[in-house]
Amino acid sequence: EGPQWAIAKFAYGPQDDDLEDEDVEAYLLRGCSGAWERLGAFRTSGDERPHPTAEGIPDTGGRVYLDLTAGRRLDVGRHRVHFAVAGDGTSADLFIEVLPPGARVAVTDVDGTLTSSEVAVVGELFGGAPPAAHPGAAEAMRALADSGIHLFYVTARPEWLVGSTRAWLRRQGFPPGILHTTIGVTGAFGRAAAHYKTIELGWLKARTGIVPSFGFGNMPSDVTTYTAAGIAPSRCYYYELGGELRGGVHHDDYRALAPALFSPPAACAP
């Protein structure tokens, strides 16, 4: 129940210049399979005609807001929306998961939690190799996914890194899930990162009633976020993080976690 939106952002170059007042074609792949469904042509927003805030996303220009509620409503499952700029063919993809009643969710940070270090992505941005993943991290997340738990990747990276972050997760073998970043150009750090993630998990609870069953992080801001969200401390895992964990679990090897995280769903109904 409730509104369903597909929201895209188009910006170009190192200055993140918004693409304003341009036509964008939108297509929907229901269930991520079958035939693409054309949703129509839409115009990117500009300073003179901003769109009202939707799903907590204010209009900063260059955005497309597509209301899926009336006549296009999505069923439970994972769906893909493809946006293509009519003028030059550049495109962006959006994945939407409609969760069933009683769904369980695991939330995880990315940098330093799944990647080899907190700043590993910086080297890639300057032409270096993509960061490695911690040994066993993908297997641990797959153990949760195989148990029927939905993955929610929440990172304080900037919005323009959505595509490369999604590609990195796929290459490293992490299971599909929903990926959220900040909507700014610079991302967020420290208290700002904790504030952003707290809002994200608050929004999840407000919209769905879901409090994540598991939380994974590596920074004090993750401890603050998961505590505020009400995640059970015994199911909050912090990679190589010392100090006050507020009842959370310190660990230094995902390979030891994976067997404990796998809990196969019942094969037959009682």
Protein backbone atom coordinates (compact mmCIF):
# COMPACT_ATOMS: atom_id res chain seq x y z
CA GLU A 1 0.00 0.00 0.00
CA GLY A 2 0.99 3.63 -0.24
CA PRO A 3 2.62 5.62 -3.04
CA GLN A 4 5.16 4.16 -5.44
CA TRP A 5 7.68 6.39 -7.19
CA ALA A 6 10.55 5.98 -9.64
CA ILE A 7 12.95 8.94 -9.34
CA ALA A 8 15.99 9.55 -11.54
CA LYS A 9 18.72 12.20 -11.63
CA PHE A 10 20.62 13.33 -14.74
CA ALA A 11 23.79 15.40 -14.38
CA TYR A 12 27.03 15.59 -16.36
CA GLY A 13 30.71 16.31 -15.88
CA PRO A 14 32.94 16.93 -12.86
CA GLN A 15 30.76 19.86 -11.80
CA ASP A 16 27.67 17.62 -11.73
CA ASP A 17 25.78 19.99 -14.03
CA ASP A 18 22.07 19.19 -14.09
CA LEU A 19 20.41 18.18 -17.35
CA GLU A 20 17.36 20.41 -17.33
CA ASP A 21 14.26 20.51 -19.54
CA GLU A 22 15.19 17.45 -21.61
CA ASP A 23 12.95 14.58 -22.68
CA VAL A 24 13.58 11.21 -21.06
CA GLU A 25 11.96 7.92 -22.11
CA ALA A 26 11.07 5.50 -19.31
CA TYR A 27 10.62 1.73 -19.53
CA LEU A 28 9.60 -0.83 -16.90
CA LEU A 29 10.67 -4.46 -16.57
CA ARG A 30 8.24 -6.00 -14.10
CA GLY A 31 9.78 -8.73 -11.99
CA CYS A 32 13.08 -8.06 -13.81
CA SER A 33 11.92 -10.46 -16.54
CA GLY A 34 9.72 -10.68 -19.60
CA ALA A 35 9.05 -7.78 -21.95
CA TRP A 36 9.85 -4.12 -21.35
CA GLU A 37 6.83 -1.86 -20.89
CA ARG A 38 7.07 1.73 -22.15
CA LEU A 39 5.91 4.17 -19.49
CA GLY A 40 6.16 7.28 -21.62
CA ALA A 41 8.29 10.38 -22.13
CA PHE A 42 8.99 12.75 -19.25
CA ARG A 43 10.86 16.04 -18.93
CA THR A 44 13.71 16.65 -16.52
CA SER A 45 13.09 19.38 -13.99
CA GLY A 46 14.64 22.83 -13.96
CA ASP A 47 14.97 25.74 -11.58
CA GLU A 48 11.81 27.39 -12.90
CA ARG A 49 9.53 24.39 -12.33
CA PRO A 50 10.75 22.21 -9.47
CA HIS A 51 8.79 19.10 -8.59
CA PRO A 52 7.41 18.78 -5.06
CA THR A 53 9.52 16.60 -2.77
CA ALA A 54 8.60 12.92 -3.08
CA GLU A 55 9.91 9.96 -1.05
CA GLY A 56 12.04 12.45 0.85
CA ILE A 57 13.90 13.47 -2.35
CA PRO A 58 13.85 17.25 -2.93
CA ASP A 59 14.09 18.48 -6.49
CA THR A 60 17.57 19.90 -7.07
CA GLY A 61 17.17 19.99 -10.85
CA GLY A 62 17.74 17.40 -13.56
CA ARG A 63 15.29 14.97 -11.98
CA VAL A 64 12.43 12.87 -13.28
CA TYR A 65 9.64 11.98 -10.85
CA LEU A 66 7.48 9.13 -12.12
CA ASP A 67 4.39 8.25 -10.08
CA LEU A 68 3.72 4.51 -10.41
CA THR A 69 0.73 4.46 -8.06
CA ALA A 70 -2.11 4.96 -10.52
CA GLY A 71 -2.38 2.42 -13.33
CA ARG A 72 1.23 1.26 -13.11
CA ARG A 73 1.36 -0.17 -9.61
CA LEU A 74 4.06 -2.75 -8.92
CA ASP A 75 3.38 -6.10 -7.28
CA VAL A 76 5.58 -7.75 -4.65
CA GLY A 77 9.00 -8.47 -6.15
CA ARG A 78 12.02 -6.80 -7.73
CA HIS A 79 11.53 -4.48 -10.69
CA ARG A 80 13.77 -2.45 -13.00
CA VAL A 81 13.07 0.97 -14.50
CA HIS A 82 15.25 2.20 -17.39
CA PHE A 83 15.47 5.92 -18.18
CA ALA A 84 17.02 7.06 -21.48
CA VAL A 85 17.67 10.67 -22.53
CA ALA A 86 16.10 11.20 -25.94
CA GLY A 87 18.73 13.69 -27.06
CA ASP A 88 21.93 11.69 -26.55
CA GLY A 89 20.90 8.21 -25.43
CA THR A 90 22.55 8.36 -22.03
CA SER A 91 20.66 6.32 -19.49
CA ALA A 92 20.14 5.40 -15.87
CA ASP A 93 18.62 2.34 -14.24
CA LEU A 94 16.59 2.10 -11.07
CA PHE A 95 15.70 -1.02 -9.10
CA ILE A 96 12.61 -1.15 -6.90
CA GLU A 97 11.73 -3.88 -4.42
CA VAL A 98 8.17 -4.21 -3.20
CA LEU A 99 8.38 -6.23 0.00
CA PRO A 100 5.81 -8.81 1.11
CA PRO A 101 4.14 -8.55 4.51
CA GLY A 102 6.45 -9.74 7.26
CA ALA A 103 9.59 -9.29 5.15
CA ARG A 104 12.92 -9.34 6.96
CA VAL A 105 15.69 -6.91 6.03
CA ALA A 106 19.42 -6.72 6.71
CA VAL A 107 21.08 -3.30 6.40
CA THR A 108 24.76 -2.89 5.66
CA ASP A 109 27.17 -0.06 5.13
CA VAL A 110 29.61 -0.37 2.19
CA ASP A 111 32.92 1.47 2.69
CA GLY A 112 35.13 -0.28 5.20
CA THR A 113 32.32 -2.67 6.06
CA LEU A 114 32.31 -4.55 2.77
CA THR A 115 35.24 -2.90 0.98
CA SER A 116 38.86 -3.44 2.01
CA SER A 117 39.12 0.00 3.65
CA GLU A 118 37.05 3.05 4.50
CA VAL A 119 38.67 5.11 1.71
CA ALA A 120 39.38 2.38 -0.84
CA VAL A 121 37.01 3.90 -3.39
CA VAL A 122 39.10 7.11 -3.55
CA GLY A 123 41.92 5.30 -5.32
CA GLU A 124 39.52 3.99 -7.93
CA LEU A 125 38.24 7.50 -8.62
CA PHE A 126 41.79 8.58 -9.45
CA GLY A 127 42.39 5.74 -11.89
CA GLY A 128 43.37 2.95 -9.52
CA ALA A 129 41.97 -0.54 -9.29
CA PRO A 130 38.53 -1.07 -7.77
CA PRO A 131 38.64 -1.87 -4.05
CA ALA A 132 38.67 -5.46 -2.89
CA ALA A 133 35.96 -6.90 -0.70
CA HIS A 134 36.71 -8.31 2.74
CA PRO A 135 37.17 -12.08 2.47
CA GLY A 136 33.88 -13.83 3.05
CA ALA A 137 31.76 -10.66 3.05
CA ALA A 138 29.85 -11.58 -0.10
CA GLU A 139 29.30 -15.11 1.21
CA ALA A 140 27.93 -13.74 4.49
CA MET A 141 25.46 -11.50 2.66
CA ARG A 142 24.46 -14.39 0.39
CA ALA A 143 23.81 -16.52 3.46
CA LEU A 144 21.29 -13.93 4.58
CA ALA A 145 19.73 -13.68 1.12
CA ASP A 146 19.47 -17.48 0.92
CA SER A 147 17.60 -17.34 4.22
CA GLY A 148 14.96 -15.12 2.63
CA ILE A 149 16.30 -11.83 4.01
CA HIS A 150 16.29 -8.74 1.78
CA LEU A 151 19.55 -6.75 1.54
CA PHE A 152 19.52 -2.98 2.01
CA TYR A 153 22.86 -1.38 1.13
CA VAL A 154 22.97 2.09 2.72
CA THR A 155 26.09 4.12 2.06
CA ALA A 156 26.95 7.76 2.66
CA ARG A 157 28.64 7.94 -0.74
CA PRO A 158 27.45 10.70 -3.10
CA GLU A 159 24.60 10.08 -5.51
CA TRP A 160 26.81 10.06 -8.61
CA LEU A 161 28.50 6.86 -7.36
CA VAL A 162 25.29 4.81 -7.47
CA GLY A 163 26.17 3.15 -10.78
CA SER A 164 29.75 2.23 -9.93
CA THR A 165 28.74 1.02 -6.45
CA ARG A 166 26.05 -1.23 -7.88
CA ALA A 167 28.54 -2.59 -10.44
CA TRP A 168 31.13 -3.25 -7.71
CA LEU A 169 28.63 -5.18 -5.59
CA ARG A 170 27.68 -7.31 -8.59
CA ARG A 171 31.30 -8.04 -9.60
CA GLN A 172 32.22 -9.03 -6.05
CA GLY A 173 29.35 -11.51 -5.84
CA PHE A 174 27.09 -9.70 -3.40
CA PRO A 175 23.39 -10.58 -3.70
CA PRO A 176 20.98 -8.13 -5.34
CA GLY A 177 19.38 -5.65 -3.01
CA ILE A 178 18.32 -2.05 -2.73
CA LEU A 179 21.13 0.53 -2.76
CA HIS A 180 20.69 4.01 -1.29
CA THR A 181 23.26 6.81 -1.26
CA THR A 182 23.08 10.40 -0.13
CA ILE A 183 21.54 12.75 -2.69
CA GLY A 184 24.40 15.25 -2.51
CA VAL A 185 27.55 15.72 -4.60
CA THR A 186 30.06 15.17 -1.79
CA GLY A 187 28.50 12.42 0.32
CA ALA A 188 28.52 12.51 4.12
CA PHE A 189 30.97 11.70 6.91
CA GLY A 190 30.89 11.25 10.68
CA ARG A 191 27.82 12.73 12.33
CA ALA A 192 26.39 13.72 8.96
CA ALA A 193 26.65 10.09 7.80
CA ALA A 194 24.92 8.88 10.97
CA HIS A 195 22.16 11.46 10.50
CA TYR A 196 21.62 10.42 6.87
CA LYS A 197 21.47 6.70 7.69
CA THR A 198 19.17 7.28 10.66
CA ILE A 199 16.75 9.11 8.37
CA GLU A 200 16.91 6.26 5.85
CA LEU A 201 16.07 3.60 8.43
CA GLY A 202 13.41 5.84 9.97
CA TRP A 203 11.83 6.19 6.55
CA LEU A 204 11.89 2.40 6.11
CA LYS A 205 10.06 1.91 9.41
CA ALA A 206 7.56 4.68 8.74
CA ARG A 207 6.66 3.33 5.30
CA THR A 208 6.72 -0.41 6.01
CA GLY A 209 6.87 -0.92 9.77
CA ILE A 210 10.13 -2.83 9.27
CA VAL A 211 13.04 -2.62 11.69
CA PRO A 212 16.02 -4.44 10.14
CA SER A 213 16.80 -7.87 11.59
CA PHE A 214 20.56 -7.40 11.10
CA GLY A 215 22.97 -4.49 10.82
CA PHE A 216 26.57 -4.44 9.54
CA GLY A 217 29.00 -1.56 9.91
CA ASN A 218 32.53 -0.53 10.81
CA MET A 219 32.30 2.98 12.23
CA PRO A 220 30.94 4.63 15.40
CA SER A 221 28.33 6.31 13.17
CA ASP A 222 26.98 2.85 12.32
CA VAL A 223 26.64 2.03 16.02
CA THR A 224 24.71 5.27 16.52
CA THR A 225 22.47 4.57 13.53
CA TYR A 226 21.62 0.97 14.35
CA THR A 227 20.98 1.76 18.01
CA ALA A 228 18.60 4.57 17.06
CA ALA A 229 16.84 2.28 14.56
CA GLY A 230 16.12 -0.28 17.27
CA ILE A 231 18.04 -3.18 15.71
CA ALA A 232 18.75 -5.90 18.28
CA PRO A 233 22.34 -5.28 19.49
CA SER A 234 23.19 -8.99 19.31
CA ARG A 235 22.49 -8.84 15.57
CA CYS A 236 24.63 -5.79 14.89
CA TYR A 237 28.06 -6.80 13.58
CA TYR A 238 30.93 -4.30 13.48
CA TYR A 239 34.02 -5.11 11.46
CA GLU A 240 37.27 -4.44 13.37
CA LEU A 241 35.64 -1.67 15.39
CA GLY A 242 36.73 -1.09 18.96
CA GLY A 243 35.25 1.15 21.62
CA GLU A 244 31.65 1.24 22.80
CA LEU A 245 29.51 -1.03 20.60
CA ARG A 246 26.36 -0.71 22.78
CA GLY A 247 25.94 -4.47 22.93
CA GLY A 248 26.90 -5.05 19.31
CA VAL A 249 29.23 -7.80 18.12
CA HIS A 250 32.86 -7.15 17.18
CA HIS A 251 34.22 -9.40 14.44
CA ASP A 252 37.21 -9.54 12.13
CA ASP A 253 36.34 -12.37 9.72
CA TYR A 254 33.17 -12.68 7.65
CA ARG A 255 34.07 -16.27 6.87
CA ALA A 256 33.31 -17.19 10.46
CA LEU A 257 29.98 -15.33 10.33
CA ALA A 258 28.49 -16.88 7.20
CA PRO A 259 27.52 -20.28 8.71
CA ALA A 260 25.83 -18.60 11.67
CA LEU A 261 23.85 -16.24 9.43
CA PHE A 262 22.33 -18.93 7.23
CA SER A 263 18.89 -19.98 8.41
CA PRO A 264 17.01 -21.81 5.65
CA PRO A 265 13.32 -20.97 5.37
CA ALA A 266 10.86 -23.74 6.11
CA ALA A 267 10.47 -26.04 3.13
CA CYS A 268 6.83 -26.84 3.87
CA ALA A 269 4.02 -24.91 5.46
CA PRO A 270 2.88 -26.35 8.80
